[in-house]
């Protein structure tokens, strides 16, 4: 995954994060999108509404970066 330096991360617009208020889970490239999905349930202190909005941002970024997402909802992450 392309690592973001602290300066690069600080320069990102809030809209480039799955959780913009918390500035968590950047969505800059395919690797970051996959990482955001993998770490989605580790984000603490956010409401279900914020998770719903973050999932929409992740799905849009996944489409943009050609990342296949099999889950239809964030509630399906980690369920087989």
Protein backbone atom coordinates (compact mmCIF):
# COMPACT_ATOMS: atom_id res chain seq x y z
CA UNK A 1 0.00 0.00 0.00
CA UNK A 2 1.21 3.48 -0.76
CA UNK A 3 2.01 4.91 2.64
CA UNK A 4 0.88 8.45 3.32
CA UNK A 5 3.24 10.68 5.23
CA UNK A 6 1.76 12.75 8.03
CA UNK A 7 2.01 15.83 5.80
CA UNK A 8 0.31 14.06 2.90
CA UNK A 9 -2.47 12.84 5.18
CA UNK A 10 -2.93 16.33 6.66
CA UNK A 11 -3.16 17.80 3.16
CA UNK A 12 -6.02 15.49 2.15
CA UNK A 13 -9.47 17.00 1.92
CA UNK A 14 -11.91 15.60 4.48
CA UNK A 15 -13.90 14.12 1.62
CA UNK A 16 -11.02 11.75 0.89
CA UNK A 17 -11.64 9.79 4.09
CA UNK A 18 -14.25 7.14 4.81
CA UNK A 19 -14.79 8.86 8.16
CA UNK A 20 -14.12 12.54 7.39
CA UNK A 21 -14.92 13.99 10.83
CA UNK A 22 -12.39 11.65 12.42
CA UNK A 23 -10.07 11.78 9.38
CA UNK A 24 -9.89 7.98 9.46
CA UNK A 25 -9.41 5.56 6.59
CA UNK A 26 -8.14 7.52 3.58
CA UNK A 27 -9.53 6.48 0.19
CA UNK A 28 -6.74 7.70 -2.08
CA UNK A 29 -6.13 4.52 -4.07
CA UNK A 30 -7.19 0.87 -4.41
CA UNK A 31 -4.94 -0.29 -1.56
CA UNK A 32 -6.38 2.33 0.79
CA UNK A 33 -9.93 1.33 -0.17
CA UNK A 34 -9.20 -2.34 0.59
CA UNK A 35 -7.60 -1.30 3.88
CA UNK A 36 -10.60 0.87 4.80
CA UNK A 37 -12.87 -2.15 4.32
CA UNK A 38 -10.57 -4.40 6.34
CA UNK A 39 -10.36 -1.91 9.21
CA UNK A 40 -13.95 -0.66 9.03
CA UNK A 41 -15.11 -2.39 12.22
CA UNK A 42 -12.07 -1.14 14.15
CA UNK A 43 -13.14 2.51 13.94
CA UNK A 44 -14.45 3.53 17.36
CA UNK A 45 -16.71 6.37 18.47
CA UNK A 46 -18.88 6.62 15.36
CA UNK A 47 -22.62 6.15 15.00
CA UNK A 48 -24.39 3.74 12.67
CA UNK A 49 -25.42 6.76 10.57
CA UNK A 50 -21.75 7.74 10.23
CA UNK A 51 -20.92 4.14 9.30
CA UNK A 52 -23.68 4.19 6.65
CA UNK A 53 -22.22 7.38 5.16
CA UNK A 54 -18.67 5.99 5.34
CA UNK A 55 -19.78 2.82 3.55
CA UNK A 56 -21.23 4.92 0.72
CA UNK A 57 -17.92 6.77 0.40
CA UNK A 58 -16.01 3.48 0.40
CA UNK A 59 -18.29 1.99 -2.27
CA UNK A 60 -17.83 5.09 -4.47
CA UNK A 61 -14.05 4.99 -4.02
CA UNK A 62 -14.04 1.24 -4.74
CA UNK A 63 -15.84 1.86 -8.02
CA UNK A 64 -13.42 4.67 -8.91
CA UNK A 65 -10.35 2.51 -8.17
CA UNK A 66 -11.79 -0.74 -9.60
CA UNK A 67 -11.93 -2.57 -6.27
CA UNK A 68 -14.46 -5.38 -6.08
CA UNK A 69 -16.62 -5.26 -2.96
CA UNK A 70 -18.73 -8.33 -2.29
CA UNK A 71 -20.50 -6.97 0.79
CA UNK A 72 -23.72 -5.06 0.15
CA UNK A 73 -23.58 -3.40 3.58
CA UNK A 74 -20.93 -2.69 6.18
CA UNK A 75 -22.87 -5.00 8.49
CA UNK A 76 -21.75 -7.93 6.30
CA UNK A 77 -18.02 -7.29 6.80
CA UNK A 78 -16.37 -10.32 8.33
CA UNK A 79 -19.45 -12.52 8.00
CA UNK A 80 -19.23 -15.64 5.87
